[in-house]
PDB file of N, CA and C in Angstrom:
ATOM      1  N   PRO A   1       0.813  -1.081   0.226  1.00  0.00           N
ATOM      2  CA  PRO A   1       0.146  -0.068   0.026  1.00  0.00           C
ATOM      3  C   PRO A   1       0.760   1.253  -0.115  1.00  0.00           C
ATOM      4  N   GLN A   2       0.204   2.294  -0.825  1.00  0.00           N
ATOM      5  CA  GLN A   2       1.083   3.814  -0.695  1.00  0.00           C
ATOM      6  C   GLN A   2       1.260   4.054   0.688  1.00  0.00           C
ATOM      7  N   LYS A   3       2.032   4.985   1.151  1.00  0.00           N
ATOM      8  CA  LYS A   3       2.257   5.621   2.487  1.00  0.00           C
ATOM      9  C   LYS A   3       1.821   6.844   2.123  1.00  0.00           C
ATOM     10  N   THR A   4       0.902   7.682   2.885  1.00  0.00           N
ATOM     11  CA  THR A   4       0.242   8.863   2.682  1.00  0.00           C
ATOM     12  C   THR A   4       1.071   9.591   3.785  1.00  0.00           C
ATOM     13  N   PHE A   5       1.162  11.031   3.596  1.00  0.00           N
ATOM     14  CA  PHE A   5       1.628  12.303   4.463  1.00  0.00           C
ATOM     15  C   PHE A   5       0.264  12.645   5.166  1.00  0.00           C
ATOM     16  N   ARG A   6       0.770  12.481   6.832  1.00  0.00           N
ATOM     17  CA  ARG A   6      -0.324  12.722   7.842  1.00  0.00           C
ATOM     18  C   ARG A   6      -0.203  14.128   8.010  1.00  0.00           C
ATOM     19  N   CYS A   7       0.994  14.708   8.822  1.00  0.00           N
ATOM     20  CA  CYS A   7       1.241  15.989   9.009  1.00  0.00           C
ATOM     21  C   CYS A   7       2.704  16.634   9.385  1.00  0.00           C
ATOM     22  N   SER A   8       2.826  17.521   9.627  1.00  0.00           N
ATOM     23  CA  SER A   8       4.331  18.236  10.323  1.00  0.00           C
ATOM     24  C   SER A   8       3.907  18.501  11.657  1.00  0.00           C
ATOM     25  N   LEU A   9       4.659  18.398  12.351  1.00  0.00           N
ATOM     26  CA  LEU A   9       4.560  18.932  14.224  1.00  0.00           C
ATOM     27  C   LEU A   9       5.530  20.106  14.320  1.00  0.00           C
ATOM     28  N   LEU A  10       5.260  21.090  14.214  1.00  0.00           N
ATOM     29  CA  LEU A  10       6.205  22.104  14.481  1.00  0.00           C
ATOM     30  C   LEU A  10       5.935  22.728  15.781  1.00  0.00           C
ATOM     31  N   GLY A  11       7.365  23.158  16.641  1.00  0.00           N
ATOM     32  CA  GLY A  11       7.244  23.467  17.627  1.00  0.00           C
ATOM     33  C   GLY A  11       8.619  23.430  18.315  1.00  0.00           C
ATOM     34  N   HIS A  12       9.722  22.760  17.984  1.00  0.00           N
ATOM     35  CA  HIS A  12      10.885  22.285  18.331  1.00  0.00           C
ATOM     36  C   HIS A  12      11.577  23.519  17.667  1.00  0.00           C
ATOM     37  N   THR A  13      12.456  23.919  18.392  1.00  0.00           N
ATOM     38  CA  THR A  13      13.667  25.191  17.873  1.00  0.00           C
ATOM     39  C   THR A  13      14.702  24.905  17.593  1.00  0.00           C
ATOM     40  N   ASN A  14      15.322  23.541  17.763  1.00  0.00           N
ATOM     41  CA  ASN A  14      16.368  23.032  17.350  1.00  0.00           C
ATOM     42  C   ASN A  14      16.118  21.579  16.969  1.00  0.00           C
ATOM     43  N   TRP A  15      17.171  20.825  16.399  1.00  0.00           N
ATOM     44  CA  TRP A  15      17.148  19.438  15.881  1.00  0.00           C
ATOM     45  C   TRP A  15      16.375  18.554  16.867  1.00  0.00           C
ATOM     46  N   VAL A  16      15.603  17.628  16.119  1.00  0.00           N
ATOM     47  CA  VAL A  16      14.751  16.802  16.946  1.00  0.00           C
ATOM     48  C   VAL A  16      15.662  15.405  16.989  1.00  0.00           C
ATOM     49  N   ARG A  17      15.697  15.034  18.255  1.00  0.00           N
ATOM     50  CA  ARG A  17      16.751  13.697  18.145  1.00  0.00           C
ATOM     51  C   ARG A  17      16.165  12.265  18.387  1.00  0.00           C
ATOM     52  N   THR A  18      14.726  12.253  18.906  1.00  0.00           N
ATOM     53  CA  THR A  18      13.803  11.177  19.241  1.00  0.00           C
ATOM     54  C   THR A  18      12.695  11.321  19.009  1.00  0.00           C
ATOM     55  N   CYS A  19      11.572  10.535  18.953  1.00  0.00           N
ATOM     56  CA  CYS A  19      10.138  10.618  18.730  1.00  0.00           C
ATOM     57  C   CYS A  19       9.866   9.055  18.773  1.00  0.00           C
ATOM     58  N   LYS A  20       8.799   8.833  19.475  1.00  0.00           N
ATOM     59  CA  LYS A  20       8.057   7.764  19.815  1.00  0.00           C
ATOM     60  C   LYS A  20       6.466   8.021  19.922  1.00  0.00           C
ATOM     61  N   PHE A  21       5.747   6.710  19.480  1.00  0.00           N
ATOM     62  CA  PHE A  21       4.649   6.463  19.929  1.00  0.00           C
ATOM     63  C   PHE A  21       4.132   6.288  21.005  1.00  0.00           C
ATOM     64  N   SER A  22       2.867   6.758  21.639  1.00  0.00           N
ATOM     65  CA  SER A  22       2.399   5.973  22.829  1.00  0.00           C
ATOM     66  C   SER A  22       1.862   4.173  22.361  1.00  0.00           C
ATOM     67  N   PRO A  23       2.305   3.698  23.710  1.00  0.00           N
ATOM     68  CA  PRO A  23       2.056   2.289  23.060  1.00  0.00           C
ATOM     69  C   PRO A  23       0.492   2.190  23.400  1.00  0.00           C
ATOM     70  N   ASP A  24      -0.482   3.154  23.898  1.00  0.00           N
ATOM     71  CA  ASP A  24      -1.842   2.868  23.699  1.00  0.00           C
ATOM     72  C   ASP A  24      -2.800   3.113  22.885  1.00  0.00           C
ATOM     73  N   THR A  25      -2.141   4.017  22.128  1.00  0.00           N
ATOM     74  CA  THR A  25      -3.075   4.862  21.214  1.00  0.00           C
ATOM     75  C   THR A  25      -1.958   5.734  20.113  1.00  0.00           C
ATOM     76  N   SER A  26      -2.913   5.312  18.730  1.00  0.00           N
ATOM     77  CA  SER A  26      -1.722   5.636  17.673  1.00  0.00           C
ATOM     78  C   SER A  26      -1.813   7.266  17.533  1.00  0.00           C
ATOM     79  N   HIS A  27      -2.463   7.819  18.460  1.00  0.00           N
ATOM     80  CA  HIS A  27      -2.476   9.412  17.947  1.00  0.00           C
ATOM     81  C   HIS A  27      -1.614  10.273  18.782  1.00  0.00           C
ATOM     82  N   ILE A  28      -1.142   9.953  20.089  1.00  0.00           N
ATOM     83  CA  ILE A  28      -0.284  10.289  20.972  1.00  0.00           C
ATOM     84  C   ILE A  28       1.232  10.252  20.726  1.00  0.00           C
ATOM     85  N   CYS A  29       1.891  11.285  20.686  1.00  0.00           N
ATOM     86  CA  CYS A  29       3.839  11.067  20.211  1.00  0.00           C
ATOM     87  C   CYS A  29       4.200  11.689  21.033  1.00  0.00           C
ATOM     88  N   GLY A  30       5.553  11.313  21.205  1.00  0.00           N
ATOM     89  CA  GLY A  30       6.390  12.145  22.173  1.00  0.00           C
ATOM     90  C   GLY A  30       7.520  12.640  21.613  1.00  0.00           C
ATOM     91  N   SER A  31       8.314  13.599  21.286  1.00  0.00           N
ATOM     92  CA  SER A  31       9.490  14.049  20.915  1.00  0.00           C
ATOM     93  C   SER A  31      10.207  14.797  21.734  1.00  0.00           C
ATOM     94  N   GLY A  32      11.589  14.681  21.322  1.00  0.00           N
ATOM     95  CA  GLY A  32      12.522  15.547  22.300  1.00  0.00           C
ATOM     96  C   GLY A  32      13.942  15.781  21.399  1.00  0.00           C
ATOM     97  N   GLY A  33      14.569  16.795  21.777  1.00  0.00           N
ATOM     98  CA  GLY A  33      16.018  17.465  21.001  1.00  0.00           C
ATOM     99  C   GLY A  33      16.753  18.238  21.527  1.00  0.00           C
ATOM    100  N   ASP A  34      17.285  18.981  21.012  1.00  0.00           N
ATOM    101  CA  ASP A  34      18.445  19.898  21.135  1.00  0.00           C
ATOM    102  C   ASP A  34      17.881  21.020  21.711  1.00  0.00           C
ATOM    103  N   ASP A  35      16.784  21.540  21.714  1.00  0.00           N
ATOM    104  CA  ASP A  35      16.359  22.357  22.319  1.00  0.00           C
ATOM    105  C   ASP A  35      15.710  22.593  24.135  1.00  0.00           C
ATOM    106  N   GLY A  36      16.335  21.428  24.144  1.00  0.00           N
ATOM    107  CA  GLY A  36      16.098  20.980  25.941  1.00  0.00           C
ATOM    108  C   GLY A  36      14.436  20.497  26.217  1.00  0.00           C
ATOM    109  N   THR A  37      13.304  20.454  25.046  1.00  0.00           N
ATOM    110  CA  THR A  37      12.280  20.127  25.672  1.00  0.00           C
ATOM    111  C   THR A  37      11.877  18.508  25.014  1.00  0.00           C
ATOM    112  N   VAL A  38      11.198  18.324  25.939  1.00  0.00           N
ATOM    113  CA  VAL A  38      10.063  16.959  25.364  1.00  0.00           C
ATOM    114  C   VAL A  38       8.657  17.645  25.315  1.00  0.00           C
ATOM    115  N   ARG A  39       8.091  16.842  23.990  1.00  0.00           N
ATOM    116  CA  ARG A  39       6.724  17.315  23.725  1.00  0.00           C
ATOM    117  C   ARG A  39       5.896  16.411  23.305  1.00  0.00           C
ATOM    118  N   LEU A  40       5.198  16.345  23.778  1.00  0.00           N
ATOM    119  CA  LEU A  40       3.580  15.515  23.645  1.00  0.00           C
ATOM    120  C   LEU A  40       2.678  16.102  22.440  1.00  0.00           C
ATOM    121  N   TRP A  41       2.478  15.440  21.715  1.00  0.00           N
ATOM    122  CA  TRP A  41       1.569  15.770  20.530  1.00  0.00           C
ATOM    123  C   TRP A  41       0.257  14.963  20.457  1.00  0.00           C
ATOM    124  N   ASP A  42      -0.665  15.537  19.905  1.00  0.00           N
ATOM    125  CA  ASP A  42      -1.854  14.990  19.326  1.00  0.00           C
ATOM    126  C   ASP A  42      -1.835  14.820  18.092  1.00  0.00           C
ATOM    127  N   VAL A  43      -1.544  13.927  17.225  1.00  0.00           N
ATOM    128  CA  VAL A  43      -1.169  13.935  16.078  1.00  0.00           C
ATOM    129  C   VAL A  43      -2.749  13.968  15.154  1.00  0.00           C
ATOM    130  N   GLU A  44      -3.786  13.708  15.798  1.00  0.00           N
ATOM    131  CA  GLU A  44      -5.139  13.883  15.018  1.00  0.00           C
ATOM    132  C   GLU A  44      -5.224  15.285  15.220  1.00  0.00           C
ATOM    133  N   ARG A  45      -5.044  15.940  15.816  1.00  0.00           N
ATOM    134  CA  ARG A  45      -5.181  17.152  16.089  1.00  0.00           C
ATOM    135  C   ARG A  45      -4.336  18.154  15.451  1.00  0.00           C
ATOM    136  N   ASN A  46      -2.725  17.584  15.461  1.00  0.00           N
ATOM    137  CA  ASN A  46      -1.873  18.444  14.810  1.00  0.00           C
ATOM    138  C   ASN A  46      -1.614  19.586  16.017  1.00  0.00           C
ATOM    139  N   VAL A  47      -1.565  19.165  17.106  1.00  0.00           N
ATOM    140  CA  VAL A  47      -1.145  20.112  18.346  1.00  0.00           C
ATOM    141  C   VAL A  47      -0.204  19.657  19.301  1.00  0.00           C
ATOM    142  N   ASN A  48       0.465  20.509  19.895  1.00  0.00           N
ATOM    143  CA  ASN A  48       1.199  20.359  21.086  1.00  0.00           C
ATOM    144  C   ASN A  48       0.875  20.396  22.101  1.00  0.00           C
ATOM    145  N   ILE A  49       0.848  19.191  23.113  1.00  0.00           N
ATOM    146  CA  ILE A  49      -0.238  19.206  24.211  1.00  0.00           C
ATOM    147  C   ILE A  49       0.112  19.717  25.228  1.00  0.00           C
ATOM    148  N   VAL A  50       1.659  19.210  25.644  1.00  0.00           N
ATOM    149  CA  VAL A  50       2.400  19.426  26.724  1.00  0.00           C
ATOM    150  C   VAL A  50       3.716  19.664  25.943  1.00  0.00           C
ATOM    151  N   THR A  51       4.415  20.262  27.039  1.00  0.00           N
ATOM    152  CA  THR A  51       5.954  20.689  26.750  1.00  0.00           C
ATOM    153  C   THR A  51       6.648  20.363  28.036  1.00  0.00           C
ATOM    154  N   LEU A  52       7.556  19.841  28.434  1.00  0.00           N
ATOM    155  CA  LEU A  52       8.342  19.536  29.247  1.00  0.00           C
ATOM    156  C   LEU A  52       9.710  19.945  29.224  1.00  0.00           C
ATOM    157  N   ASP A  53      10.068  21.256  29.933  1.00  0.00           N
ATOM    158  CA  ASP A  53      11.412  22.021  29.624  1.00  0.00           C
ATOM    159  C   ASP A  53      12.549  21.445  30.642  1.00  0.00           C
ATOM    160  N   PHE A  54      13.631  20.988  30.248  1.00  0.00           N
ATOM    161  CA  PHE A  54      14.925  20.560  30.491  1.00  0.00           C
ATOM    162  C   PHE A  54      16.112  21.716  30.568  1.00  0.00           C
ATOM    163  N   SER A  55      15.556  22.620  29.579  1.00  0.00           N
ATOM    164  CA  SER A  55      16.546  23.738  29.410  1.00  0.00           C
ATOM    165  C   SER A  55      17.298  24.471  30.455  1.00  0.00           C
ATOM    166  N   GLY A  56      16.402  25.102  31.158  1.00  0.00           N
ATOM    167  CA  GLY A  56      16.713  25.938  32.543  1.00  0.00           C
ATOM    168  C   GLY A  56      17.194  25.265  33.784  1.00  0.00           C
ATOM    169  N   ARG A  57      17.367  24.056  33.935  1.00  0.00           N
ATOM    170  CA  ARG A  57      17.836  23.366  34.777  1.00  0.00           C
ATOM    171  C   ARG A  57      18.894  23.368  34.953  1.00  0.00           C
ATOM    172  N   SER A  58      19.483  22.943  36.326  1.00  0.00           N
ATOM    173  CA  SER A  58      20.613  22.655  36.526  1.00  0.00           C
ATOM    174  C   SER A  58      20.954  21.510  37.395  1.00  0.00           C
ATOM    175  N   GLY A  59      20.012  20.213  37.788  1.00  0.00           N
ATOM    176  CA  GLY A  59      20.387  19.279  38.178  1.00  0.00           C
ATOM    177  C   GLY A  59      19.026  18.321  38.168  1.00  0.00           C
ATOM    178  N   GLY A  60      19.366  16.925  38.520  1.00  0.00           N
ATOM    179  CA  GLY A  60      18.243  16.320  38.016  1.00  0.00           C
ATOM    180  C   GLY A  60      17.114  16.181  39.064  1.00  0.00           C
ATOM    181  N   TYR A  61      17.471  16.568  40.384  1.00  0.00           N
ATOM    182  CA  TYR A  61      16.375  16.547  41.709  1.00  0.00           C
ATOM    183  C   TYR A  61      15.637  17.811  41.439  1.00  0.00           C
ATOM    184  N   GLY A  62      14.259  17.380  41.458  1.00  0.00           N
ATOM    185  CA  GLY A  62      13.150  18.390  41.387  1.00  0.00           C
ATOM    186  C   GLY A  62      12.243  18.560  40.216  1.00  0.00           C
ATOM    187  N   GLY A  63      12.732  17.981  39.419  1.00  0.00           N
ATOM    188  CA  GLY A  63      11.828  17.797  38.009  1.00  0.00           C
ATOM    189  C   GLY A  63      12.395  19.007  36.828  1.00  0.00           C
ATOM    190  N   SER A  64      11.692  18.503  35.677  1.00  0.00           N
ATOM    191  CA  SER A  64      11.492  20.060  34.849  1.00  0.00           C
ATOM    192  C   SER A  64      10.278  20.925  34.835  1.00  0.00           C
ATOM    193  N   GLN A  65      10.261  21.641  34.192  1.00  0.00           N
ATOM    194  CA  GLN A  65       9.227  22.669  34.300  1.00  0.00           C
ATOM    195  C   GLN A  65       8.166  21.857  33.427  1.00  0.00           C
ATOM    196  N   SER A  66       6.649  22.226  33.299  1.00  0.00           N
ATOM    197  CA  SER A  66       5.786  21.560  32.423  1.00  0.00           C
ATOM    198  C   SER A  66       4.855  22.957  32.087  1.00  0.00           C
ATOM    199  N   THR A  67       4.814  23.211  30.844  1.00  0.00           N
ATOM    200  CA  THR A  67       3.998  23.821  30.038  1.00  0.00           C
ATOM    201  C   THR A  67       2.998  23.467  28.794  1.00  0.00           C
ATOM    202  N   LYS A  68       1.739  23.499  29.121  1.00  0.00           N
ATOM    203  CA  LYS A  68       0.927  23.040  28.110  1.00  0.00           C
ATOM    204  C   LYS A  68       0.905  24.085  26.898  1.00  0.00           C
ATOM    205  N   GLY A  69       1.559  23.412  25.952  1.00  0.00           N
ATOM    206  CA  GLY A  69       1.546  24.047  24.337  1.00  0.00           C
ATOM    207  C   GLY A  69       2.631  25.071  24.328  1.00  0.00           C
ATOM    208  N   GLY A  70       3.500  25.229  25.513  1.00  0.00           N
ATOM    209  CA  GLY A  70       4.266  26.228  25.549  1.00  0.00           C
ATOM    210  C   GLY A  70       5.588  26.140  25.003  1.00  0.00           C
ATOM    211  N   SER A  71       6.744  27.058  24.937  1.00  0.00           N
ATOM    212  CA  SER A  71       7.804  26.491  24.535  1.00  0.00           C
ATOM    213  C   SER A  71       8.730  27.478  25.356  1.00  0.00           C
ATOM    214  N   HIS A  72      10.056  26.628  25.583  1.00  0.00           N
ATOM    215  CA  HIS A  72      11.311  27.694  26.351  1.00  0.00           C
ATOM    216  C   HIS A  72      12.245  26.655  25.280  1.00  0.00           C
ATOM    217  N   ASP A  73      13.289  28.021  25.376  1.00  0.00           N
ATOM    218  CA  ASP A  73      14.603  27.386  24.362  1.00  0.00           C
ATOM    219  C   ASP A  73      15.735  28.139  25.128  1.00  0.00           C
ATOM    220  N   ASN A  74      16.349  27.593  26.093  1.00  0.00           N
ATOM    221  CA  ASN A  74      17.959  27.991  26.430  1.00  0.00           C
ATOM    222  C   ASN A  74      18.989  27.307  25.781  1.00  0.00           C
ATOM    223  N   GLY A  75      18.510  25.559  25.394  1.00  0.00           N
ATOM    224  CA  GLY A  75      19.329  25.014  24.418  1.00  0.00           C
ATOM    225  C   GLY A  75      20.613  24.346  25.399  1.00  0.00           C
ATOM    226  N   SER A  76      20.466  24.453  26.670  1.00  0.00           N
ATOM    227  CA  SER A  76      21.596  23.898  27.462  1.00  0.00           C
ATOM    228  C   SER A  76      21.609  22.212  27.598  1.00  0.00           C
ATOM    229  N   LYS A  77      20.347  21.722  27.274  1.00  0.00           N
ATOM    230  CA  LYS A  77      20.474  20.386  27.468  1.00  0.00           C
ATOM    231  C   LYS A  77      19.974  19.520  26.193  1.00  0.00           C
ATOM    232  N   SER A  78      20.302  18.646  25.862  1.00  0.00           N
ATOM    233  CA  SER A  78      19.506  17.913  24.718  1.00  0.00           C
ATOM    234  C   SER A  78      19.114  16.515  25.030  1.00  0.00           C
ATOM    235  N   VAL A  79      17.634  16.394  24.593  1.00  0.00           N
ATOM    236  CA  VAL A  79      17.069  15.383  24.923  1.00  0.00           C
ATOM    237  C   VAL A  79      17.429  14.463  24.032  1.00  0.00           C
ATOM    238  N   ARG A  80      17.649  13.200  24.241  1.00  0.00           N
ATOM    239  CA  ARG A  80      18.231  11.995  23.352  1.00  0.00           C
ATOM    240  C   ARG A  80      17.510  10.845  23.454  1.00  0.00           C
ATOM    241  N   HIS A  81      16.748  10.592  24.274  1.00  0.00           N
ATOM    242  CA  HIS A  81      16.073   9.534  24.007  1.00  0.00           C
ATOM    243  C   HIS A  81      14.755   9.423  24.848  1.00  0.00           C
ATOM    244  N   LEU A  82      13.512   8.658  24.551  1.00  0.00           N
ATOM    245  CA  LEU A  82      12.233   8.570  25.148  1.00  0.00           C
ATOM    246  C   LEU A  82      11.998   7.480  25.084  1.00  0.00           C
ATOM    247  N   GLU A  83      10.997   7.096  26.113  1.00  0.00           N
ATOM    248  CA  GLU A  83      10.284   5.848  26.293  1.00  0.00           C
ATOM    249  C   GLU A  83       9.195   5.883  27.039  1.00  0.00           C
ATOM    250  N   PHE A  84       7.961   5.249  26.445  1.00  0.00           N
ATOM    251  CA  PHE A  84       6.658   5.192  27.213  1.00  0.00           C
ATOM    252  C   PHE A  84       6.616   4.048  28.045  1.00  0.00           C
ATOM    253  N   HIS A  85       6.151   4.084  29.178  1.00  0.00           N
ATOM    254  CA  HIS A  85       5.906   2.758  30.008  1.00  0.00           C
ATOM    255  C   HIS A  85       4.831   2.054  29.015  1.00  0.00           C
ATOM    256  N   PRO A  86       4.834   0.697  29.102  1.00  0.00           N
ATOM    257  CA  PRO A  86       3.767   0.063  28.111  1.00  0.00           C
ATOM    258  C   PRO A  86       2.252   0.398  28.500  1.00  0.00           C
ATOM    259  N   SER A  87       2.087   1.144  29.909  1.00  0.00           N
ATOM    260  CA  SER A  87       0.562   1.304  30.430  1.00  0.00           C
ATOM    261  C   SER A  87       0.529   2.718  29.808  1.00  0.00           C
ATOM    262  N   ALA A  88       1.537   3.520  29.234  1.00  0.00           N
ATOM    263  CA  ALA A  88       1.506   4.610  28.575  1.00  0.00           C
ATOM    264  C   ALA A  88       1.335   5.734  29.950  1.00  0.00           C
ATOM    265  N   THR A  89       1.249   5.334  31.026  1.00  0.00           N
ATOM    266  CA  THR A  89       0.907   5.882  32.319  1.00  0.00           C
ATOM    267  C   THR A  89       2.127   7.086  32.771  1.00  0.00           C
ATOM    268  N   SER A  90       3.643   6.599  31.995  1.00  0.00           N
ATOM    269  CA  SER A  90       4.796   7.303  32.364  1.00  0.00           C
ATOM    270  C   SER A  90       5.773   7.208  31.142  1.00  0.00           C
ATOM    271  N   LEU A  91       6.628   8.628  31.272  1.00  0.00           N
ATOM    272  CA  LEU A  91       7.248   8.501  30.013  1.00  0.00           C
ATOM    273  C   LEU A  91       9.038   8.863  30.903  1.00  0.00           C
ATOM    274  N   ALA A  92       9.767   8.109  30.328  1.00  0.00           N
ATOM    275  CA  ALA A  92      11.231   8.115  30.902  1.00  0.00           C
ATOM    276  C   ALA A  92      12.124   8.955  29.566  1.00  0.00           C
ATOM    277  N   ALA A  93      12.833  10.324  29.911  1.00  0.00           N
ATOM    278  CA  ALA A  93      13.463  10.651  29.056  1.00  0.00           C
ATOM    279  C   ALA A  93      14.748  11.241  29.570  1.00  0.00           C
ATOM    280  N   SER A  94      15.858  10.755  28.576  1.00  0.00           N
ATOM    281  CA  SER A  94      17.476  11.114  28.772  1.00  0.00           C
ATOM    282  C   SER A  94      17.834  12.170  28.170  1.00  0.00           C
ATOM    283  N   THR A  95      18.787  12.827  28.855  1.00  0.00           N
ATOM    284  CA  THR A  95      19.397  13.919  28.295  1.00  0.00           C
ATOM    285  C   THR A  95      20.935  13.937  28.259  1.00  0.00           C
ATOM    286  N   THR A  96      21.733  14.526  27.432  1.00  0.00           N
ATOM    287  CA  THR A  96      22.922  14.328  27.247  1.00  0.00           C
ATOM    288  C   THR A  96      23.992  14.666  28.719  1.00  0.00           C
ATOM    289  N   ASP A  97      23.448  15.294  29.674  1.00  0.00           N
ATOM    290  CA  ASP A  97      23.769  15.707  30.842  1.00  0.00           C
ATOM    291  C   ASP A  97      24.067  14.262  31.691  1.00  0.00           C
ATOM    292  N   GLY A  98      23.370  13.288  31.568  1.00  0.00           N
ATOM    293  CA  GLY A  98      23.511  12.137  32.086  1.00  0.00           C
ATOM    294  C   GLY A  98      22.182  11.843  32.833  1.00  0.00           C
ATOM    295  N   ILE A  99      21.389  12.687  33.001  1.00  0.00           N
ATOM    296  CA  ILE A  99      20.081  12.843  33.758  1.00  0.00           C
ATOM    297  C   ILE A  99      18.953  12.009  33.013  1.00  0.00           C
ATOM    298  N   ILE A 100      18.052  10.983  33.784  1.00  0.00           N
ATOM    299  CA  ILE A 100      16.936  10.629  33.149  1.00  0.00           C
ATOM    300  C   ILE A 100      16.009  11.010  34.383  1.00  0.00           C
ATOM    301  N   GLU A 101      14.607  11.504  33.472  1.00  0.00           N
ATOM    302  CA  GLU A 101      13.694  12.089  34.281  1.00  0.00           C
ATOM    303  C   GLU A 101      12.584  10.732  33.785  1.00  0.00           C
ATOM    304  N   LEU A 102      11.804  10.781  34.767  1.00  0.00           N
ATOM    305  CA  LEU A 102      10.355   9.816  34.969  1.00  0.00           C
ATOM    306  C   LEU A 102       9.186  11.194  35.102  1.00  0.00           C
ATOM    307  N   TYR A 103       8.386  10.965  34.127  1.00  0.00           N
ATOM    308  CA  TYR A 103       7.144  11.716  34.214  1.00  0.00           C
ATOM    309  C   TYR A 103       5.852  10.993  34.457  1.00  0.00           C
ATOM    310  N   ASP A 104       4.786  11.285  35.457  1.00  0.00           N
ATOM    311  CA  ASP A 104       3.544  10.386  35.491  1.00  0.00           C
ATOM    312  C   ASP A 104       2.673  11.500  34.599  1.00  0.00           C
ATOM    313  N   LEU A 105       2.225  10.590  33.771  1.00  0.00           N
ATOM    314  CA  LEU A 105       1.469  11.322  32.394  1.00  0.00           C
ATOM    315  C   LEU A 105       0.063  11.516  32.901  1.00  0.00           C
ATOM    316  N   ARG A 106      -0.228  11.041  34.062  1.00  0.00           N
ATOM    317  CA  ARG A 106      -1.425  11.070  34.478  1.00  0.00           C
ATOM    318  C   ARG A 106      -1.790  12.296  35.187  1.00  0.00           C
ATOM    319  N   CYS A 107      -0.831  12.848  35.583  1.00  0.00           N
ATOM    320  CA  CYS A 107      -0.748  14.101  36.315  1.00  0.00           C
ATOM    321  C   CYS A 107      -1.042  15.505  35.399  1.00  0.00           C
ATOM    322  N   ASP A 108      -1.399  16.456  35.950  1.00  0.00           N
ATOM    323  CA  ASP A 108      -1.447  18.000  35.005  1.00  0.00           C
ATOM    324  C   ASP A 108      -0.454  18.543  35.046  1.00  0.00           C
ATOM    325  N   LYS A 109       0.777  18.311  35.882  1.00  0.00           N
ATOM    326  CA  LYS A 109       1.638  18.994  35.882  1.00  0.00           C
ATOM    327  C   LYS A 109       3.152  18.082  35.600  1.00  0.00           C
TER     328      LYS A 109
END
């Protein structure tokens, strides 16, 4: 079967290094890159639904900031890998500074 173009997801301000679909749905996708953010996308609506910001943080404890649909770009950390938990309730993200952060996706922050 012929492949069909679906959409472009615009929002990262630097190279995108990783992209994964949530295991429980075909329309939620996570991406991360050199702008220091992890973005969750609804590809059916073509919108950025949550942005998790690593860029302005100095260390692992305390977590990153979360914004709904927003953007921050200090470029100090690069997100290189994402992995959804099989139940899609959690997301792990790793950065080039050696930090792995876990996010509970059931929370609003």
